[in-house]
PDB file of N, CA and C in Angstrom:
ATOM      1  N   MET A   1       0.771  -0.709   0.030  1.00  0.00           N
ATOM      2  CA  MET A   1      -0.281  -0.338  -0.147  1.00  0.00           C
ATOM      3  C   MET A   1       0.574   1.239   0.064  1.00  0.00           C
ATOM      4  N   PRO A   2       0.565   1.987  -1.039  1.00  0.00           N
ATOM      5  CA  PRO A   2       1.670   3.644  -1.287  1.00  0.00           C
ATOM      6  C   PRO A   2       0.623   4.325   0.849  1.00  0.00           C
ATOM      7  N   PHE A   3       2.168   5.209   0.805  1.00  0.00           N
ATOM      8  CA  PHE A   3       1.600   5.672   1.688  1.00  0.00           C
ATOM      9  C   PHE A   3       0.333   6.751   1.669  1.00  0.00           C
ATOM     10  N   VAL A   4      -0.927   6.854   1.883  1.00  0.00           N
ATOM     11  CA  VAL A   4      -2.409   7.643   2.717  1.00  0.00           C
ATOM     12  C   VAL A   4      -2.179   8.198   3.760  1.00  0.00           C
ATOM     13  N   THR A   5      -2.735   9.609   3.899  1.00  0.00           N
ATOM     14  CA  THR A   5      -2.713  10.221   4.565  1.00  0.00           C
ATOM     15  C   THR A   5      -4.612   9.706   5.081  1.00  0.00           C
ATOM     16  N   ILE A   6      -4.899   8.845   6.367  1.00  0.00           N
ATOM     17  CA  ILE A   6      -6.445   8.849   6.427  1.00  0.00           C
ATOM     18  C   ILE A   6      -6.477   9.834   8.331  1.00  0.00           C
ATOM     19  N   PRO A   7      -7.808  10.328   7.928  1.00  0.00           N
ATOM     20  CA  PRO A   7      -8.121  11.629   9.328  1.00  0.00           C
ATOM     21  C   PRO A   7      -8.249  10.765  10.895  1.00  0.00           C
ATOM     22  N   ALA A   8      -8.018  10.742  11.281  1.00  0.00           N
ATOM     23  CA  ALA A   8      -8.549  10.063  13.039  1.00  0.00           C
ATOM     24  C   ALA A   8      -8.325  10.905  14.046  1.00  0.00           C
ATOM     25  N   HIS A   9      -9.315  10.606  15.042  1.00  0.00           N
ATOM     26  CA  HIS A   9      -9.142  11.022  16.105  1.00  0.00           C
ATOM     27  C   HIS A   9      -8.989  10.119  17.801  1.00  0.00           C
ATOM     28  N   TYR A  10      -8.732  10.590  18.766  1.00  0.00           N
ATOM     29  CA  TYR A  10      -8.277   9.881  20.079  1.00  0.00           C
ATOM     30  C   TYR A  10      -9.465   9.812  21.415  1.00  0.00           C
ATOM     31  N   ASP A  11     -10.474   8.972  21.236  1.00  0.00           N
ATOM     32  CA  ASP A  11     -11.747   8.520  21.657  1.00  0.00           C
ATOM     33  C   ASP A  11     -10.912   8.360  23.650  1.00  0.00           C
ATOM     34  N   GLY A  12      -9.908   8.918  23.453  1.00  0.00           N
ATOM     35  CA  GLY A  12     -10.169   9.444  25.522  1.00  0.00           C
ATOM     36  C   GLY A  12      -9.033   7.628  25.697  1.00  0.00           C
ATOM     37  N   LYS A  13      -9.520   6.573  24.989  1.00  0.00           N
ATOM     38  CA  LYS A  13      -8.732   5.009  24.650  1.00  0.00           C
ATOM     39  C   LYS A  13      -8.314   4.617  23.766  1.00  0.00           C
ATOM     40  N   ASN A  14      -8.599   4.886  22.026  1.00  0.00           N
ATOM     41  CA  ASN A  14      -7.625   4.358  21.037  1.00  0.00           C
ATOM     42  C   ASN A  14      -7.882   5.718  20.381  1.00  0.00           C
ATOM     43  N   VAL A  15      -6.782   5.242  19.286  1.00  0.00           N
ATOM     44  CA  VAL A  15      -7.053   6.197  17.999  1.00  0.00           C
ATOM     45  C   VAL A  15      -8.207   5.452  17.475  1.00  0.00           C
ATOM     46  N   GLN A  16      -9.052   6.431  16.134  1.00  0.00           N
ATOM     47  CA  GLN A  16      -9.821   5.368  15.567  1.00  0.00           C
ATOM     48  C   GLN A  16      -9.695   6.298  14.582  1.00  0.00           C
ATOM     49  N   LEU A  17      -9.453   5.335  13.146  1.00  0.00           N
ATOM     50  CA  LEU A  17      -9.631   6.048  12.138  1.00  0.00           C
ATOM     51  C   LEU A  17     -10.972   6.259  11.567  1.00  0.00           C
ATOM     52  N   ASP A  18     -11.285   7.726  11.037  1.00  0.00           N
ATOM     53  CA  ASP A  18     -12.217   8.601  10.590  1.00  0.00           C
ATOM     54  C   ASP A  18     -12.649   7.506   9.270  1.00  0.00           C
ATOM     55  N   GLU A  19     -11.582   7.272   8.088  1.00  0.00           N
ATOM     56  CA  GLU A  19     -12.579   6.695   7.025  1.00  0.00           C
ATOM     57  C   GLU A  19     -12.028   5.176   7.239  1.00  0.00           C
ATOM     58  N   GLU A  20     -12.874   4.984   6.297  1.00  0.00           N
ATOM     59  CA  GLU A  20     -12.830   2.918   6.175  1.00  0.00           C
ATOM     60  C   GLU A  20     -11.349   2.844   5.158  1.00  0.00           C
ATOM     61  N   VAL A  21     -10.828   2.138   6.126  1.00  0.00           N
ATOM     62  CA  VAL A  21      -9.628   1.517   5.439  1.00  0.00           C
ATOM     63  C   VAL A  21      -8.639   0.297   5.605  1.00  0.00           C
ATOM     64  N   ALA A  22      -9.134  -1.075   4.437  1.00  0.00           N
ATOM     65  CA  ALA A  22      -8.332  -1.631   4.848  1.00  0.00           C
ATOM     66  C   ALA A  22      -7.341  -2.591   5.382  1.00  0.00           C
ATOM     67  N   LEU A  23      -6.580  -2.564   6.553  1.00  0.00           N
ATOM     68  CA  LEU A  23      -5.515  -2.695   6.610  1.00  0.00           C
ATOM     69  C   LEU A  23      -5.533  -4.116   7.514  1.00  0.00           C
ATOM     70  N   THR A  24      -4.399  -4.833   6.914  1.00  0.00           N
ATOM     71  CA  THR A  24      -3.609  -6.079   7.285  1.00  0.00           C
ATOM     72  C   THR A  24      -2.929  -5.804   9.013  1.00  0.00           C
ATOM     73  N   PRO A  25      -3.085  -7.117   9.729  1.00  0.00           N
ATOM     74  CA  PRO A  25      -2.941  -6.911  11.115  1.00  0.00           C
ATOM     75  C   PRO A  25      -1.530  -6.434  10.988  1.00  0.00           C
ATOM     76  N   ASN A  26      -0.515  -6.025  11.905  1.00  0.00           N
ATOM     77  CA  ASN A  26       0.412  -5.546  12.118  1.00  0.00           C
ATOM     78  C   ASN A  26       1.220  -4.347  11.251  1.00  0.00           C
ATOM     79  N   THR A  27       0.393  -4.038  10.620  1.00  0.00           N
ATOM     80  CA  THR A  27       0.071  -2.572   9.172  1.00  0.00           C
ATOM     81  C   THR A  27       1.601  -1.823  10.060  1.00  0.00           C
ATOM     82  N   ARG A  28       2.063  -1.264   9.978  1.00  0.00           N
ATOM     83  CA  ARG A  28       2.964  -0.308   9.981  1.00  0.00           C
ATOM     84  C   ARG A  28       2.258   1.414   9.721  1.00  0.00           C
ATOM     85  N   LEU A  29       2.323   1.843  11.154  1.00  0.00           N
ATOM     86  CA  LEU A  29       1.627   3.307  10.858  1.00  0.00           C
ATOM     87  C   LEU A  29       1.967   3.915  11.385  1.00  0.00           C
ATOM     88  N   ILE A  30       2.630   5.552  11.108  1.00  0.00           N
ATOM     89  CA  ILE A  30       2.668   7.127  11.674  1.00  0.00           C
ATOM     90  C   ILE A  30       1.956   7.603  12.254  1.00  0.00           C
ATOM     91  N   VAL A  31       1.942   8.182  13.171  1.00  0.00           N
ATOM     92  CA  VAL A  31       0.797   8.546  13.571  1.00  0.00           C
ATOM     93  C   VAL A  31       1.318   9.961  14.156  1.00  0.00           C
ATOM     94  N   THR A  32       0.805  11.182  13.610  1.00  0.00           N
ATOM     95  CA  THR A  32       1.209  12.733  14.312  1.00  0.00           C
ATOM     96  C   THR A  32      -0.124  13.375  14.935  1.00  0.00           C
ATOM     97  N   VAL A  33       0.417  14.413  15.571  1.00  0.00           N
ATOM     98  CA  VAL A  33      -1.012  14.697  16.789  1.00  0.00           C
ATOM     99  C   VAL A  33      -0.849  16.296  15.978  1.00  0.00           C
ATOM    100  N   LEU A  34      -1.761  16.880  16.189  1.00  0.00           N
ATOM    101  CA  LEU A  34      -1.907  17.683  15.494  1.00  0.00           C
ATOM    102  C   LEU A  34      -2.316  18.763  17.277  1.00  0.00           C
ATOM    103  N   ASP A  35      -2.008  20.034  17.155  1.00  0.00           N
ATOM    104  CA  ASP A  35      -2.143  20.905  17.595  1.00  0.00           C
ATOM    105  C   ASP A  35      -3.541  20.953  17.605  1.00  0.00           C
ATOM    106  N   THR A  36      -4.194  20.794  18.987  1.00  0.00           N
ATOM    107  CA  THR A  36      -5.752  21.367  19.223  1.00  0.00           C
ATOM    108  C   THR A  36      -6.215  22.685  18.084  1.00  0.00           C
ATOM    109  N   GLU A  37      -5.301  23.470  18.153  1.00  0.00           N
ATOM    110  CA  GLU A  37      -5.901  25.333  17.566  1.00  0.00           C
ATOM    111  C   GLU A  37      -5.351  24.958  15.622  1.00  0.00           C
ATOM    112  N   THR A  38      -4.874  23.204  15.657  1.00  0.00           N
ATOM    113  CA  THR A  38      -5.206  23.292  14.423  1.00  0.00           C
ATOM    114  C   THR A  38      -5.352  22.125  13.474  1.00  0.00           C
ATOM    115  N   SER A  39      -6.414  21.441  14.485  1.00  0.00           N
ATOM    116  CA  SER A  39      -6.785  19.600  14.254  1.00  0.00           C
ATOM    117  C   SER A  39      -7.988  19.499  13.097  1.00  0.00           C
ATOM    118  N   ASP A  40      -8.390  21.022  12.663  1.00  0.00           N
ATOM    119  CA  ASP A  40      -9.835  20.916  11.937  1.00  0.00           C
ATOM    120  C   ASP A  40      -8.808  21.496  10.553  1.00  0.00           C
ATOM    121  N   LEU A  41      -8.825  20.210   9.950  1.00  0.00           N
ATOM    122  CA  LEU A  41      -8.236  19.952   8.447  1.00  0.00           C
ATOM    123  C   LEU A  41      -8.939  20.784   7.570  1.00  0.00           C
ATOM    124  N   LYS A  42     -10.414  20.534   7.727  1.00  0.00           N
ATOM    125  CA  LYS A  42     -11.005  20.926   7.063  1.00  0.00           C
ATOM    126  C   LYS A  42     -11.243  22.349   7.404  1.00  0.00           C
ATOM    127  N   ASP A  43     -10.772  22.989   8.771  1.00  0.00           N
ATOM    128  CA  ASP A  43     -11.381  24.800   8.130  1.00  0.00           C
ATOM    129  C   ASP A  43     -10.048  24.710   7.680  1.00  0.00           C
ATOM    130  N   LEU A  44      -8.972  24.809   8.455  1.00  0.00           N
ATOM    131  CA  LEU A  44      -7.634  24.769   7.019  1.00  0.00           C
ATOM    132  C   LEU A  44      -8.106  24.957   6.064  1.00  0.00           C
ATOM    133  N   GLU A  45      -7.728  23.751   5.212  1.00  0.00           N
ATOM    134  CA  GLU A  45      -8.832  24.278   4.102  1.00  0.00           C
ATOM    135  C   GLU A  45      -9.463  24.853   3.797  1.00  0.00           C
ATOM    136  N   ARG A  46     -10.375  25.288   4.363  1.00  0.00           N
ATOM    137  CA  ARG A  46     -11.475  26.428   3.975  1.00  0.00           C
ATOM    138  C   ARG A  46     -10.856  27.937   3.718  1.00  0.00           C
ATOM    139  N   GLU A  47     -10.271  28.677   4.751  1.00  0.00           N
ATOM    140  CA  GLU A  47      -9.152  29.249   5.177  1.00  0.00           C
ATOM    141  C   GLU A  47      -8.230  29.721   3.896  1.00  0.00           C
ATOM    142  N   ASP A  48      -7.569  28.521   4.201  1.00  0.00           N
ATOM    143  CA  ASP A  48      -6.099  27.982   2.425  1.00  0.00           C
ATOM    144  C   ASP A  48      -7.331  28.652   1.370  1.00  0.00           C
ATOM    145  N   PHE A  49      -8.146  28.168   0.671  1.00  0.00           N
ATOM    146  CA  PHE A  49      -9.381  28.111   0.060  1.00  0.00           C
ATOM    147  C   PHE A  49      -9.579  29.977  -0.394  1.00  0.00           C
ATOM    148  N   LEU A  50      -9.935  30.117   0.946  1.00  0.00           N
ATOM    149  CA  LEU A  50     -10.452  31.155   0.773  1.00  0.00           C
ATOM    150  C   LEU A  50     -10.025  32.571   0.730  1.00  0.00           C
ATOM    151  N   ARG A  51      -7.936  32.628   0.887  1.00  0.00           N
ATOM    152  CA  ARG A  51      -7.061  33.438   1.321  1.00  0.00           C
ATOM    153  C   ARG A  51      -6.770  33.093  -0.781  1.00  0.00           C
ATOM    154  N   LEU A  52      -6.995  31.508  -1.356  1.00  0.00           N
ATOM    155  CA  LEU A  52      -6.164  32.049  -2.806  1.00  0.00           C
ATOM    156  C   LEU A  52      -7.507  32.300  -3.690  1.00  0.00           C
ATOM    157  N   ALA A  53      -8.848  32.005  -2.888  1.00  0.00           N
ATOM    158  CA  ALA A  53     -10.151  32.722  -3.634  1.00  0.00           C
ATOM    159  C   ALA A  53      -9.919  34.378  -4.021  1.00  0.00           C
ATOM    160  N   ALA A  54      -9.139  35.084  -2.839  1.00  0.00           N
ATOM    161  CA  ALA A  54      -9.483  36.718  -2.839  1.00  0.00           C
ATOM    162  C   ALA A  54      -8.386  37.138  -3.524  1.00  0.00           C
ATOM    163  N   SER A  55      -7.329  36.185  -3.442  1.00  0.00           N
ATOM    164  CA  SER A  55      -6.165  36.744  -4.265  1.00  0.00           C
ATOM    165  C   SER A  55      -6.462  36.970  -5.910  1.00  0.00           C
ATOM    166  N   GLY A  56      -6.900  35.847  -6.110  1.00  0.00           N
ATOM    167  CA  GLY A  56      -7.729  35.532  -7.398  1.00  0.00           C
ATOM    168  C   GLY A  56      -8.233  36.292  -7.993  1.00  0.00           C
ATOM    169  N   LEU A  57      -9.238  37.272  -6.734  1.00  0.00           N
ATOM    170  CA  LEU A  57     -10.054  38.344  -7.384  1.00  0.00           C
ATOM    171  C   LEU A  57      -9.457  39.875  -7.122  1.00  0.00           C
ATOM    172  N   ALA A  58      -8.836  39.864  -6.950  1.00  0.00           N
ATOM    173  CA  ALA A  58      -8.521  41.154  -5.859  1.00  0.00           C
ATOM    174  C   ALA A  58      -7.069  41.274  -7.634  1.00  0.00           C
ATOM    175  N   ARG A  59      -6.895  40.165  -8.589  1.00  0.00           N
ATOM    176  CA  ARG A  59      -5.869  40.502  -9.511  1.00  0.00           C
ATOM    177  C   ARG A  59      -6.887  40.820 -10.597  1.00  0.00           C
ATOM    178  N   GLY A  60      -8.283  39.923 -10.522  1.00  0.00           N
ATOM    179  CA  GLY A  60      -8.588  40.119 -11.951  1.00  0.00           C
ATOM    180  C   GLY A  60      -9.543  41.370 -11.561  1.00  0.00           C
ATOM    181  N   TYR A  61      -9.903  42.012 -10.369  1.00  0.00           N
ATOM    182  CA  TYR A  61     -10.398  43.639 -10.643  1.00  0.00           C
ATOM    183  C   TYR A  61     -10.130  44.317 -10.272  1.00  0.00           C
ATOM    184  N   ASP A  62      -8.337  44.044 -10.711  1.00  0.00           N
ATOM    185  CA  ASP A  62      -7.823  45.149  -9.707  1.00  0.00           C
ATOM    186  C   ASP A  62      -7.653  46.358 -11.184  1.00  0.00           C
ATOM    187  N   ASP A  63      -6.779  48.039 -10.198  1.00  0.00           N
ATOM    188  CA  ASP A  63      -7.040  49.312 -10.765  1.00  0.00           C
ATOM    189  C   ASP A  63      -7.051  49.268 -12.454  1.00  0.00           C
ATOM    190  N   ASP A  64      -6.374  48.655 -12.846  1.00  0.00           N
ATOM    191  CA  ASP A  64      -5.926  47.919 -14.429  1.00  0.00           C
ATOM    192  C   ASP A  64      -6.823  47.434 -15.293  1.00  0.00           C
ATOM    193  N   GLU A  65      -8.269  47.189 -14.865  1.00  0.00           N
ATOM    194  CA  GLU A  65      -9.285  46.623 -15.124  1.00  0.00           C
ATOM    195  C   GLU A  65      -9.649  46.752 -15.963  1.00  0.00           C
ATOM    196  N   VAL A  66     -10.024  46.580 -17.412  1.00  0.00           N
ATOM    197  CA  VAL A  66     -11.259  47.038 -18.581  1.00  0.00           C
ATOM    198  C   VAL A  66     -12.378  47.287 -17.918  1.00  0.00           C
ATOM    199  N   GLU A  67     -12.633  48.596 -18.061  1.00  0.00           N
ATOM    200  CA  GLU A  67     -14.049  48.590 -17.696  1.00  0.00           C
ATOM    201  C   GLU A  67     -15.213  48.064 -19.253  1.00  0.00           C
ATOM    202  N   TYR A  68     -16.377  47.420 -19.007  1.00  0.00           N
ATOM    203  CA  TYR A  68     -17.012  47.032 -20.458  1.00  0.00           C
ATOM    204  C   TYR A  68     -18.418  47.879 -19.964  1.00  0.00           C
ATOM    205  N   SER A  69     -19.399  48.291 -20.846  1.00  0.00           N
ATOM    206  CA  SER A  69     -20.472  48.718 -20.875  1.00  0.00           C
ATOM    207  C   SER A  69     -21.308  47.960 -21.487  1.00  0.00           C
ATOM    208  N   GLU A  70     -22.663  48.043 -20.765  1.00  0.00           N
ATOM    209  CA  GLU A  70     -23.966  47.312 -22.107  1.00  0.00           C
ATOM    210  C   GLU A  70     -23.622  47.106 -23.141  1.00  0.00           C
ATOM    211  N   ALA A  71     -23.224  48.023 -23.726  1.00  0.00           N
ATOM    212  CA  ALA A  71     -22.731  47.778 -25.278  1.00  0.00           C
ATOM    213  C   ALA A  71     -21.923  46.270 -26.046  1.00  0.00           C
ATOM    214  N   ASP A  72     -21.231  46.585 -24.366  1.00  0.00           N
ATOM    215  CA  ASP A  72     -20.608  45.225 -25.175  1.00  0.00           C
ATOM    216  C   ASP A  72     -20.438  43.812 -24.847  1.00  0.00           C
ATOM    217  N   LEU A  73     -21.999  43.997 -24.365  1.00  0.00           N
ATOM    218  CA  LEU A  73     -22.384  42.575 -23.930  1.00  0.00           C
ATOM    219  C   LEU A  73     -23.096  41.880 -24.909  1.00  0.00           C
ATOM    220  N   LYS A  74     -22.933  40.672 -25.180  1.00  0.00           N
ATOM    221  CA  LYS A  74     -23.964  40.161 -26.642  1.00  0.00           C
ATOM    222  C   LYS A  74     -25.023  39.775 -26.202  1.00  0.00           C
ATOM    223  N   ARG A  75     -26.051  39.568 -27.031  1.00  0.00           N
ATOM    224  CA  ARG A  75     -27.384  39.162 -26.448  1.00  0.00           C
ATOM    225  C   ARG A  75     -27.570  38.255 -27.090  1.00  0.00           C
TER     226      ARG A  75
END
């Protein structure tokens, strides 16, 4: 099996995988413990996406952008 990242959480007793994955007994694993402030990957991904979207909009609507009138629109 190639390297794969699987979200998981600790339930106070055991590490629980958050997605179904077929593992054979004695499969070697590496566990990375995330800081509680950064453990919500979906929020981090959303923040990255919003930053990227904002920078794209800023480039698309900067001061040098051509102004179009209704006459420029095709019907």
